[in-house]
Amino acid sequence: MATEQVSGIVPGEDSEIHDEPHVEGSRLTVRFLREQVETRGLSPASVADRYDLSLADVYAALAYYHRNPDEMDAVEKRREERIAEAEERTTLTPPDE
């Protein structure tokens, strides 16, 4: 499925700073903004104010997320894989209980 463009959002494949979609002129990712609103329960206006974005930017990120479910699933999968790889490389071990 082709990526559906949303004005103000830079797709991951076009980004020079992320490998995932983000707000144009910002380092804030679509995934992060969606998490703030839909997982943490913050209002879009509160997120916009907190991160110095326009309300339209927050809604554009949400629209992009929901219009491109396959891409966003791939973004989350890559993130989970990177976390697992980092955990495997760590030299820290928890203390014995």
Foldseek 3Di string as FASTA:
>chain_A
DDQDDFPQKDALVRDPQHNGIDGPPDPHGLVNLCCVCPVVPDPLVVVCVVVVHDSVSSVSSVVSCVRCVVRVVVVVVVVVVVVVVVVVPDPDDDDDD
